C-alpha atoms as a PDB file:
ATOM      1  CA  UNK A   1      -9.743-148.586  49.936  1.00  0.00           C
ATOM      2  CA  UNK A   2      -8.592-148.482  46.261  1.00  0.00           C
ATOM      3  CA  UNK A   3      -6.072-151.136  45.149  1.00  0.00           C
ATOM      4  CA  UNK A   4      -3.289-148.594  44.553  1.00  0.00           C
ATOM      5  CA  UNK A   5      -3.608-147.201  48.085  1.00  0.00           C
ATOM      6  CA  UNK A   6      -3.635-150.711  49.591  1.00  0.00           C
ATOM      7  CA  UNK A   7      -0.459-151.534  47.658  1.00  0.00           C
ATOM      8  CA  UNK A   8       1.272-148.363  48.870  1.00  0.00           C
ATOM      9  CA  UNK A   9       0.272-149.147  52.455  1.00  0.00           C
ATOM     10  CA  UNK A  10       1.789-152.643  52.120  1.00  0.00           C
ATOM     11  CA  UNK A  11       4.922-151.138  50.573  1.00  0.00           C
ATOM     12  CA  UNK A  12       5.473-148.875  53.603  1.00  0.00           C
ATOM     13  CA  UNK A  13       6.329-151.982  55.603  1.00  0.00           C
ATOM     14  CA  UNK A  14       9.164-152.875  53.205  1.00  0.00           C
ATOM     15  CA  UNK A  15      12.526-151.362  54.120  1.00  0.00           C
ATOM     16  CA  UNK A  16      15.356-150.704  51.688  1.00  0.00           C
ATOM     17  CA  UNK A  17      18.878-149.768  52.723  1.00  0.00           C
ATOM     18  CA  UNK A  18      21.487-148.378  50.367  1.00  0.00           C
ATOM     19  CA  UNK A  19      25.150-148.845  51.253  1.00  0.00           C
ATOM     20  CA  UNK A  20      27.372-146.460  49.320  1.00  0.00           C
ATOM     21  CA  UNK A  21      31.124-146.925  48.919  1.00  0.00           C
ATOM     22  CA  UNK A  22      31.406-143.741  46.857  1.00  0.00           C
ATOM     23  CA  UNK A  23      34.267-141.436  47.839  1.00  0.00           C
ATOM     24  CA  UNK A  24      32.016-138.349  47.749  1.00  0.00           C
ATOM     25  CA  UNK A  25      28.257-137.619  47.727  1.00  0.00           C
ATOM     26  CA  UNK A  26      28.585-136.637  44.051  1.00  0.00           C
ATOM     27  CA  UNK A  27      30.392-139.774  42.933  1.00  0.00           C
ATOM     28  CA  UNK A  28      28.836-141.564  39.971  1.00  0.00           C
ATOM     29  CA  UNK A  29      28.137-144.709  41.993  1.00  0.00           C
ATOM     30  CA  UNK A  30      26.317-142.754  44.691  1.00  0.00           C
ATOM     31  CA  UNK A  31      24.280-140.718  42.201  1.00  0.00           C
ATOM     32  CA  UNK A  32      23.072-143.988  40.659  1.00  0.00           C
ATOM     33  CA  UNK A  33      22.234-145.337  44.113  1.00  0.00           C
ATOM     34  CA  UNK A  34      20.313-142.172  45.013  1.00  0.00           C
ATOM     35  CA  UNK A  35      18.313-142.480  41.811  1.00  0.00           C
ATOM     36  CA  UNK A  36      17.283-146.046  42.640  1.00  0.00           C
ATOM     37  CA  UNK A  37      16.448-145.187  46.257  1.00  0.00           C
ATOM     38  CA  UNK A  38      14.256-142.325  45.010  1.00  0.00           C
ATOM     39  CA  UNK A  39      12.399-144.822  42.826  1.00  0.00           C
ATOM     40  CA  UNK A  40      11.795-147.086  45.837  1.00  0.00           C
ATOM     41  CA  UNK A  41      10.540-144.085  47.786  1.00  0.00           C
ATOM     42  CA  UNK A  42       8.053-143.261  45.013  1.00  0.00           C
ATOM     43  CA  UNK A  43       6.430-146.692  45.271  1.00  0.00           C
ATOM     44  CA  UNK A  44       6.089-146.252  49.017  1.00  0.00           C
ATOM     45  CA  UNK A  45       9.045-148.220  50.382  1.00  0.00           C
ATOM     46  CA  UNK A  46      10.869-146.938  53.439  1.00  0.00           C
ATOM     47  CA  UNK A  47      14.468-146.078  52.540  1.00  0.00           C
ATOM     48  CA  UNK A  48      17.693-145.316  54.370  1.00  0.00           C
ATOM     49  CA  UNK A  49      21.317-144.924  53.307  1.00  0.00           C
ATOM     50  CA  UNK A  50      24.734-145.507  54.837  1.00  0.00           C
ATOM     51  CA  UNK A  51      27.817-143.832  53.365  1.00  0.00           C
ATOM     52  CA  UNK A  52      30.818-146.046  54.083  1.00  0.00           C
ATOM     53  CA  UNK A  53      33.134-142.997  53.965  1.00  0.00           C
ATOM     54  CA  UNK A  54      31.492-141.643  57.153  1.00  0.00           C
ATOM     55  CA  UNK A  55      32.063-144.797  59.210  1.00  0.00           C
ATOM     56  CA  UNK A  56      34.880-145.657  61.585  1.00  0.00           C
ATOM     57  CA  UNK A  57      35.821-149.240  60.743  1.00  0.00           C
ATOM     58  CA  UNK A  58      38.771-151.237  62.048  1.00  0.00           C
ATOM     59  CA  UNK A  59      40.367-153.911  59.900  1.00  0.00           C
ATOM     60  CA  UNK A  60      39.896-157.580  60.791  1.00  0.00           C
ATOM     61  CA  UNK A  61      43.246-158.794  62.146  1.00  0.00           C
ATOM     62  CA  UNK A  62      42.436-162.494  62.384  1.00  0.00           C
ATOM     63  CA  UNK A  63      42.402-162.456  66.202  1.00  0.00           C
ATOM     64  CA  UNK A  64      39.960-165.407  66.176  1.00  0.00           C
ATOM     65  CA  UNK A  65      38.406-164.596  69.556  1.00  0.00           C
ATOM     66  CA  UNK A  66      35.053-164.416  67.773  1.00  0.00           C
ATOM     67  CA  UNK A  67      35.278-168.141  67.029  1.00  0.00           C
ATOM     68  CA  UNK A  68      34.505-168.864  70.676  1.00  0.00           C
ATOM     69  CA  UNK A  69      32.397-165.889  71.705  1.00  0.00           C
ATOM     70  CA  UNK A  70      30.636-164.781  68.513  1.00  0.00           C
ATOM     71  CA  UNK A  71      31.685-161.225  69.423  1.00  0.00           C
ATOM     72  CA  UNK A  72      34.204-159.115  67.517  1.00  0.00           C
ATOM     73  CA  UNK A  73      36.948-157.496  69.584  1.00  0.00           C
ATOM     74  CA  UNK A  74      36.477-154.198  67.734  1.00  0.00           C
ATOM     75  CA  UNK A  75      33.676-151.895  68.905  1.00  0.00           C
ATOM     76  CA  UNK A  76      33.081-149.442  66.089  1.00  0.00           C
ATOM     77  CA  UNK A  77      30.569-148.523  63.378  1.00  0.00           C
ATOM     78  CA  UNK A  78      30.073-152.108  62.180  1.00  0.00           C
ATOM     79  CA  UNK A  79      27.029-152.037  64.458  1.00  0.00           C
ATOM     80  CA  UNK A  80      25.499-149.445  62.073  1.00  0.00           C
ATOM     81  CA  UNK A  81      25.980-151.811  59.126  1.00  0.00           C
ATOM     82  CA  UNK A  82      24.605-154.773  61.089  1.00  0.00           C
ATOM     83  CA  UNK A  83      21.550-152.879  62.318  1.00  0.00           C
ATOM     84  CA  UNK A  84      20.860-151.452  58.857  1.00  0.00           C
ATOM     85  CA  UNK A  85      21.020-154.819  57.133  1.00  0.00           C
ATOM     86  CA  UNK A  86      19.105-156.781  59.758  1.00  0.00           C
ATOM     87  CA  UNK A  87      16.264-154.241  59.827  1.00  0.00           C
ATOM     88  CA  UNK A  88      15.892-154.135  56.026  1.00  0.00           C
ATOM     89  CA  UNK A  89      14.212-156.338  53.439  1.00  0.00           C
ATOM     90  CA  UNK A  90      16.198-155.144  50.424  1.00  0.00           C
ATOM     91  CA  UNK A  91      19.898-154.260  50.487  1.00  0.00           C
ATOM     92  CA  UNK A  92      21.526-152.226  47.716  1.00  0.00           C
ATOM     93  CA  UNK A  93      25.318-151.887  47.594  1.00  0.00           C
ATOM     94  CA  UNK A  94      26.810-149.265  45.313  1.00  0.00           C
ATOM     95  CA  UNK A  95      30.535-149.073  44.697  1.00  0.00           C
ATOM     96  CA  UNK A  96      33.224-147.864  42.339  1.00  0.00           C
ATOM     97  CA  UNK A  97      35.841-150.317  41.097  1.00  0.00           C
ATOM     98  CA  UNK A  98      39.398-149.824  42.346  1.00  0.00           C
ATOM     99  CA  UNK A  99      41.992-152.040  40.639  1.00  0.00           C
ATOM    100  CA  UNK A 100      39.302-154.581  39.586  1.00  0.00           C
ATOM    101  CA  UNK A 101      37.883-154.823  43.122  1.00  0.00           C
ATOM    102  CA  UNK A 102      36.059-152.884  45.830  1.00  0.00           C
ATOM    103  CA  UNK A 103      37.423-149.865  47.738  1.00  0.00           C
ATOM    104  CA  UNK A 104      39.421-150.760  50.856  1.00  0.00           C
ATOM    105  CA  UNK A 105      36.884-149.449  53.372  1.00  0.00           C
ATOM    106  CA  UNK A 106      34.012-151.472  51.913  1.00  0.00           C
ATOM    107  CA  UNK A 107      36.264-154.538  51.720  1.00  0.00           C
ATOM    108  CA  UNK A 108      37.201-153.985  55.385  1.00  0.00           C
ATOM    109  CA  UNK A 109      33.500-154.039  56.288  1.00  0.00           C
ATOM    110  CA  UNK A 110      33.036-157.274  54.362  1.00  0.00           C
ATOM    111  CA  UNK A 111      36.115-158.841  55.999  1.00  0.00           C
ATOM    112  CA  UNK A 112      34.673-157.936  59.400  1.00  0.00           C
ATOM    113  CA  UNK A 113      31.668-160.123  58.568  1.00  0.00           C
ATOM    114  CA  UNK A 114      33.762-163.129  59.585  1.00  0.00           C
ATOM    115  CA  UNK A 115      32.137-162.840  63.015  1.00  0.00           C
ATOM    116  CA  UNK A 116      28.679-163.254  61.440  1.00  0.00           C
ATOM    117  CA  UNK A 117      29.926-166.203  59.381  1.00  0.00           C
ATOM    118  CA  UNK A 118      31.158-167.804  62.641  1.00  0.00           C
ATOM    119  CA  UNK A 119      27.827-167.150  64.321  1.00  0.00           C
ATOM    120  CA  UNK A 120      25.873-168.505  61.358  1.00  0.00           C
ATOM    121  CA  UNK A 121      27.857-171.630  60.506  1.00  0.00           C
ATOM    122  CA  UNK A 122      29.832-172.543  63.647  1.00  0.00           C
ATOM    123  CA  UNK A 123      27.844-171.239  66.635  1.00  0.00           C
ATOM    124  CA  UNK A 124      24.542-171.497  64.733  1.00  0.00           C
ATOM    125  CA  UNK A 125      22.889-168.532  66.461  1.00  0.00           C
ATOM    126  CA  UNK A 126      22.582-166.139  63.513  1.00  0.00           C
ATOM    127  CA  UNK A 127      19.803-166.898  61.046  1.00  0.00           C
ATOM    128  CA  UNK A 128      16.859-165.040  59.563  1.00  0.00           C
ATOM    129  CA  UNK A 129      14.559-164.858  56.546  1.00  0.00           C
ATOM    130  CA  UNK A 130      15.776-164.492  52.987  1.00  0.00           C
ATOM    131  CA  UNK A 131      16.408-160.920  51.850  1.00  0.00           C
ATOM    132  CA  UNK A 132      16.955-159.493  48.365  1.00  0.00           C
ATOM    133  CA  UNK A 133      20.093-157.700  47.238  1.00  0.00           C
ATOM    134  CA  UNK A 134      21.102-155.426  44.379  1.00  0.00           C
ATOM    135  CA  UNK A 135      24.606-154.370  43.298  1.00  0.00           C
ATOM    136  CA  UNK A 136      25.487-151.184  41.422  1.00  0.00           C
ATOM    137  CA  UNK A 137      29.066-150.646  40.278  1.00  0.00           C
ATOM    138  CA  UNK A 138      30.923-148.113  38.166  1.00  0.00           C
ATOM    139  CA  UNK A 139      34.438-147.983  36.752  1.00  0.00           C
ATOM    140  CA  UNK A 140      36.537-145.309  35.105  1.00  0.00           C
ATOM    141  CA  UNK A 141      37.701-147.749  32.437  1.00  0.00           C
ATOM    142  CA  UNK A 142      36.522-151.135  31.206  1.00  0.00           C
ATOM    143  CA  UNK A 143      37.360-153.611  33.981  1.00  0.00           C
ATOM    144  CA  UNK A 144      36.080-157.080  34.689  1.00  0.00           C
ATOM    145  CA  UNK A 145      33.304-156.557  37.273  1.00  0.00           C
ATOM    146  CA  UNK A 146      33.289-160.260  38.193  1.00  0.00           C
ATOM    147  CA  UNK A 147      35.814-159.904  41.064  1.00  0.00           C
ATOM    148  CA  UNK A 148      33.650-157.311  42.813  1.00  0.00           C
ATOM    149  CA  UNK A 149      30.500-159.348  42.157  1.00  0.00           C
ATOM    150  CA  UNK A 150      32.060-162.453  43.759  1.00  0.00           C
ATOM    151  CA  UNK A 151      32.933-160.465  46.909  1.00  0.00           C
ATOM    152  CA  UNK A 152      29.450-158.922  47.111  1.00  0.00           C
ATOM    153  CA  UNK A 153      27.828-162.368  46.727  1.00  0.00           C
ATOM    154  CA  UNK A 154      29.976-163.701  49.596  1.00  0.00           C
ATOM    155  CA  UNK A 155      29.036-160.657  51.733  1.00  0.00           C
ATOM    156  CA  UNK A 156      25.347-161.124  50.952  1.00  0.00           C
ATOM    157  CA  UNK A 157      25.392-164.856  51.685  1.00  0.00           C
ATOM    158  CA  UNK A 158      26.376-164.299  55.326  1.00  0.00           C
ATOM    159  CA  UNK A 159      23.186-162.265  55.855  1.00  0.00           C
ATOM    160  CA  UNK A 160      20.990-164.602  53.775  1.00  0.00           C
ATOM    161  CA  UNK A 161      20.668-162.019  51.001  1.00  0.00           C
ATOM    162  CA  UNK A 162      20.079-163.271  47.450  1.00  0.00           C
ATOM    163  CA  UNK A 163      21.668-161.147  44.719  1.00  0.00           C
ATOM    164  CA  UNK A 164      18.753-160.628  42.345  1.00  0.00           C
ATOM    165  CA  UNK A 165      19.978-157.760  40.170  1.00  0.00           C
ATOM    166  CA  UNK A 166      23.029-155.744  39.175  1.00  0.00           C
ATOM    167  CA  UNK A 167      23.915-152.659  37.142  1.00  0.00           C
ATOM    168  CA  UNK A 168      27.434-152.070  35.821  1.00  0.00           C
ATOM    169  CA  UNK A 169      28.603-148.821  34.267  1.00  0.00           C
ATOM    170  CA  UNK A 170      32.116-148.760  32.754  1.00  0.00           C
ATOM    171  CA  UNK A 171      34.062-145.818  31.243  1.00  0.00           C
ATOM    172  CA  UNK A 172      32.818-143.165  33.656  1.00  0.00           C
ATOM    173  CA  UNK A 173      36.055-141.197  33.133  1.00  0.00           C
ATOM    174  CA  UNK A 174      34.932-140.294  29.636  1.00  0.00           C
ATOM    175  CA  UNK A 175      31.146-140.487  29.860  1.00  0.00           C
ATOM    176  CA  UNK A 176      29.309-137.280  28.989  1.00  0.00           C
ATOM    177  CA  UNK A 177      26.708-135.691  31.264  1.00  0.00           C
ATOM    178  CA  UNK A 178      23.820-136.325  28.857  1.00  0.00           C
ATOM    179  CA  UNK A 179      24.695-139.998  28.618  1.00  0.00           C
ATOM    180  CA  UNK A 180      25.010-140.307  32.392  1.00  0.00           C
ATOM    181  CA  UNK A 181      21.480-138.927  32.776  1.00  0.00           C
ATOM    182  CA  UNK A 182      20.331-141.898  30.662  1.00  0.00           C
ATOM    183  CA  UNK A 183      22.211-144.222  33.025  1.00  0.00           C
ATOM    184  CA  UNK A 184      20.471-142.607  35.995  1.00  0.00           C
ATOM    185  CA  UNK A 185      17.143-143.483  34.414  1.00  0.00           C
ATOM    186  CA  UNK A 186      18.333-146.973  33.435  1.00  0.00           C
ATOM    187  CA  UNK A 187      19.399-147.983  36.939  1.00  0.00           C
ATOM    188  CA  UNK A 188      15.862-147.376  38.184  1.00  0.00           C
ATOM    189  CA  UNK A 189      14.797-150.474  36.232  1.00  0.00           C
ATOM    190  CA  UNK A 190      16.494-152.594  38.919  1.00  0.00           C
ATOM    191  CA  UNK A 191      13.375-152.042  40.983  1.00  0.00           C
ATOM    192  CA  UNK A 192      11.637-154.614  38.764  1.00  0.00           C
ATOM    193  CA  UNK A 193      13.924-157.295  40.214  1.00  0.00           C
ATOM    194  CA  UNK A 194      12.480-156.853  43.701  1.00  0.00           C
ATOM    195  CA  UNK A 195       9.013-155.383  43.172  1.00  0.00           C
ATOM    196  CA  UNK A 196       6.813-158.126  41.743  1.00  0.00           C
END
């Protein structure tokens, strides 16, 4: 079997999940994510995507029952996020910036990860191999992306995901279509951070 075919066969075992916090399927952050997922697909990786806007997610209310049981009191679509992450090797989060941070629904998902933090560090029954993570973010103006990055790194750490690459795109309120096409091609270069 030729080397290229062997490589593609190996790649089919690698799973990539994209988590989009874009408000619509045509949002700039989601279009960038789609472009990167297409690139992974071309090298033979298995891809899937979750749109946060389609999920039913309750807010963490600090009930603290999970500290004893390791089970969250809410039974909602967090199980989709958990299953997607745990079954994947590479996790890509794509999000717009709202007031220097992440949209409320994505932040609610991250806050709900307290139960996994409890299971990992207190109950010690939640551990698995190192995964790789990528973060794509866009903003209408020129914000400081560092707040969002810090939250994503904390989110990733619970699931043993190492942030290995990021792509930030500011000024999307004024960016022209031709320039955005260049950005779509640029974001594909993130694949080099995980495909060695």
